[in-house]
Amino acid sequence: MERNLKFLKTMSVTDFKAKQGVEKIEVKRNKHTGKCFFVYGFETGACSKKVETGELTTPVISEVCSAETGNLFFLLHQQGEGEATTLAIL
């Protein structure tokens, strides 16, 4: 999925929660499809494969745009996934 996405803005989970005015984010799995998603307030967002496989060690949330549909949505993913690799945090 991540290959067909344009990453518009990336933020820490803490910054995302503050911006959305929520205290917590819940990661859930759809029992019918097996896919993970996250819930914040009354809204939902998508999760990368690393969330499903347990490889998520440094989570961030990005606003992304699907190249195929033009839809905008939030994606919970591993820092460094997407268009840029993190070289350092200062």
C-alpha atoms as a PDB file:
ATOM      1  CA  MET A   1       0.000   0.000   0.000  1.00  0.00           C
ATOM      2  CA  GLU A   2       2.729   2.503   0.952  1.00  0.00           C
ATOM      3  CA  ARG A   3       4.174   2.534  -2.601  1.00  0.00           C
ATOM      4  CA  ASN A   4       1.090   4.250  -4.017  1.00  0.00           C
ATOM      5  CA  LEU A   5       0.945   6.959  -1.355  1.00  0.00           C
ATOM      6  CA  LYS A   6       2.172  10.526  -1.291  1.00  0.00           C
ATOM      7  CA  PHE A   7       3.226  11.485   2.234  1.00  0.00           C
ATOM      8  CA  LEU A   8       2.054  15.050   2.909  1.00  0.00           C
ATOM      9  CA  LYS A   9       2.800  15.633   6.586  1.00  0.00           C
ATOM     10  CA  THR A  10       4.286  13.421   9.298  1.00  0.00           C
ATOM     11  CA  MET A  11       3.974  13.982  13.038  1.00  0.00           C
ATOM     12  CA  SER A  12       4.662  12.184  16.287  1.00  0.00           C
ATOM     13  CA  VAL A  13       1.838  10.276  17.934  1.00  0.00           C
ATOM     14  CA  THR A  14       1.861  12.849  20.768  1.00  0.00           C
ATOM     15  CA  ASP A  15       1.542  15.757  18.314  1.00  0.00           C
ATOM     16  CA  PHE A  16      -1.223  13.951  16.405  1.00  0.00           C
ATOM     17  CA  LYS A  17      -3.240  13.350  19.596  1.00  0.00           C
ATOM     18  CA  ALA A  18      -2.878  16.989  20.624  1.00  0.00           C
ATOM     19  CA  LYS A  19      -3.874  18.231  17.167  1.00  0.00           C
ATOM     20  CA  GLN A  20      -6.921  15.933  17.050  1.00  0.00           C
ATOM     21  CA  GLY A  21      -7.890  16.676  20.661  1.00  0.00           C
ATOM     22  CA  VAL A  22      -7.841  13.036  21.788  1.00  0.00           C
ATOM     23  CA  GLU A  23      -6.210  11.395  24.793  1.00  0.00           C
ATOM     24  CA  LYS A  24      -5.640   7.970  23.280  1.00  0.00           C
ATOM     25  CA  ILE A  25      -5.341   6.042  20.048  1.00  0.00           C
ATOM     26  CA  GLU A  26      -6.505   2.434  19.874  1.00  0.00           C
ATOM     27  CA  VAL A  27      -5.078   0.007  17.328  1.00  0.00           C
ATOM     28  CA  LYS A  28      -7.630  -2.639  16.345  1.00  0.00           C
ATOM     29  CA  ARG A  29      -7.837  -5.596  13.975  1.00  0.00           C
ATOM     30  CA  ASN A  30     -10.843  -6.240  11.738  1.00  0.00           C
ATOM     31  CA  LYS A  31     -11.859  -9.827  12.562  1.00  0.00           C
ATOM     32  CA  HIS A  32     -13.194 -10.397   9.036  1.00  0.00           C
ATOM     33  CA  THR A  33     -10.274  -9.057   6.984  1.00  0.00           C
ATOM     34  CA  GLY A  34      -7.412  -9.386   9.486  1.00  0.00           C
ATOM     35  CA  LYS A  35      -6.293  -5.827   8.671  1.00  0.00           C
ATOM     36  CA  CYS A  36      -5.355  -3.350  11.384  1.00  0.00           C
ATOM     37  CA  PHE A  37      -6.637   0.198  11.758  1.00  0.00           C
ATOM     38  CA  PHE A  38      -6.460   2.856  14.446  1.00  0.00           C
ATOM     39  CA  VAL A  39      -9.243   4.737  16.180  1.00  0.00           C
ATOM     40  CA  TYR A  40      -8.950   8.288  17.517  1.00  0.00           C
ATOM     41  CA  GLY A  41     -12.107   9.791  18.955  1.00  0.00           C
ATOM     42  CA  PHE A  42     -14.873   8.920  16.468  1.00  0.00           C
ATOM     43  CA  GLU A  43     -12.502   8.701  13.472  1.00  0.00           C
ATOM     44  CA  THR A  44     -10.341   5.918  12.047  1.00  0.00           C
ATOM     45  CA  GLY A  45      -7.026   5.722  10.208  1.00  0.00           C
ATOM     46  CA  ALA A  46      -5.036   3.080   8.372  1.00  0.00           C
ATOM     47  CA  CYS A  47      -2.042   1.083   9.630  1.00  0.00           C
ATOM     48  CA  SER A  48       1.018  -0.052   7.724  1.00  0.00           C
ATOM     49  CA  LYS A  49       1.995  -3.729   7.510  1.00  0.00           C
ATOM     50  CA  LYS A  50       4.610  -3.181  10.247  1.00  0.00           C
ATOM     51  CA  VAL A  51       1.793  -2.612  12.725  1.00  0.00           C
ATOM     52  CA  GLU A  52       0.242  -5.971  11.762  1.00  0.00           C
ATOM     53  CA  THR A  53       3.558  -7.835  11.961  1.00  0.00           C
ATOM     54  CA  GLY A  54       4.617  -6.290  15.294  1.00  0.00           C
ATOM     55  CA  GLU A  55       7.608  -4.494  13.756  1.00  0.00           C
ATOM     56  CA  LEU A  56       6.403  -1.027  14.777  1.00  0.00           C
ATOM     57  CA  THR A  57       9.076   0.328  17.142  1.00  0.00           C
ATOM     58  CA  THR A  58       9.012   4.080  16.428  1.00  0.00           C
ATOM     59  CA  PRO A  59       5.440   4.963  15.458  1.00  0.00           C
ATOM     60  CA  VAL A  60       4.494   8.144  13.626  1.00  0.00           C
ATOM     61  CA  ILE A  61       1.323   9.242  11.868  1.00  0.00           C
ATOM     62  CA  SER A  62       1.290  10.773   8.402  1.00  0.00           C
ATOM     63  CA  GLU A  63      -1.393  12.461   6.386  1.00  0.00           C
ATOM     64  CA  VAL A  64      -1.193  10.711   3.030  1.00  0.00           C
ATOM     65  CA  CYS A  65      -2.854  10.864  -0.361  1.00  0.00           C
ATOM     66  CA  SER A  66      -3.613   7.777  -2.437  1.00  0.00           C
ATOM     67  CA  ALA A  67      -2.184   8.134  -5.956  1.00  0.00           C
ATOM     68  CA  GLU A  68      -4.931   5.844  -7.273  1.00  0.00           C
ATOM     69  CA  THR A  69      -8.006   7.486  -5.714  1.00  0.00           C
ATOM     70  CA  GLY A  70      -6.880  10.916  -4.512  1.00  0.00           C
ATOM     71  CA  ASN A  71      -8.296  10.128  -1.053  1.00  0.00           C
ATOM     72  CA  LEU A  72      -6.624  11.744   1.960  1.00  0.00           C
ATOM     73  CA  PHE A  73      -6.274   9.757   5.187  1.00  0.00           C
ATOM     74  CA  PHE A  74      -4.022   9.241   8.195  1.00  0.00           C
ATOM     75  CA  LEU A  75      -1.565   6.337   8.288  1.00  0.00           C
ATOM     76  CA  LEU A  76       0.102   4.921  11.406  1.00  0.00           C
ATOM     77  CA  HIS A  77       3.510   3.628  10.357  1.00  0.00           C
ATOM     78  CA  GLN A  78       7.153   3.141  11.295  1.00  0.00           C
ATOM     79  CA  GLN A  79       9.268   6.278  11.311  1.00  0.00           C
ATOM     80  CA  GLY A  80      11.320   6.254   8.122  1.00  0.00           C
ATOM     81  CA  GLU A  81       8.711   4.434   6.017  1.00  0.00           C
ATOM     82  CA  GLY A  82       7.588   6.466   3.057  1.00  0.00           C
ATOM     83  CA  GLU A  83       9.581   8.908   1.034  1.00  0.00           C
ATOM     84  CA  ALA A  84      12.387   9.730   3.463  1.00  0.00           C
ATOM     85  CA  THR A  85      14.659   7.824   5.809  1.00  0.00           C
ATOM     86  CA  THR A  86      15.460   9.372   9.173  1.00  0.00           C
ATOM     87  CA  LEU A  87      19.208   9.801   9.558  1.00  0.00           C
ATOM     88  CA  ALA A  88      19.220  11.482  12.959  1.00  0.00           C
ATOM     89  CA  ILE A  89      16.968  12.935  15.621  1.00  0.00           C
ATOM     90  CA  LEU A  90      18.440  15.994  17.277  1.00  0.00           C
END
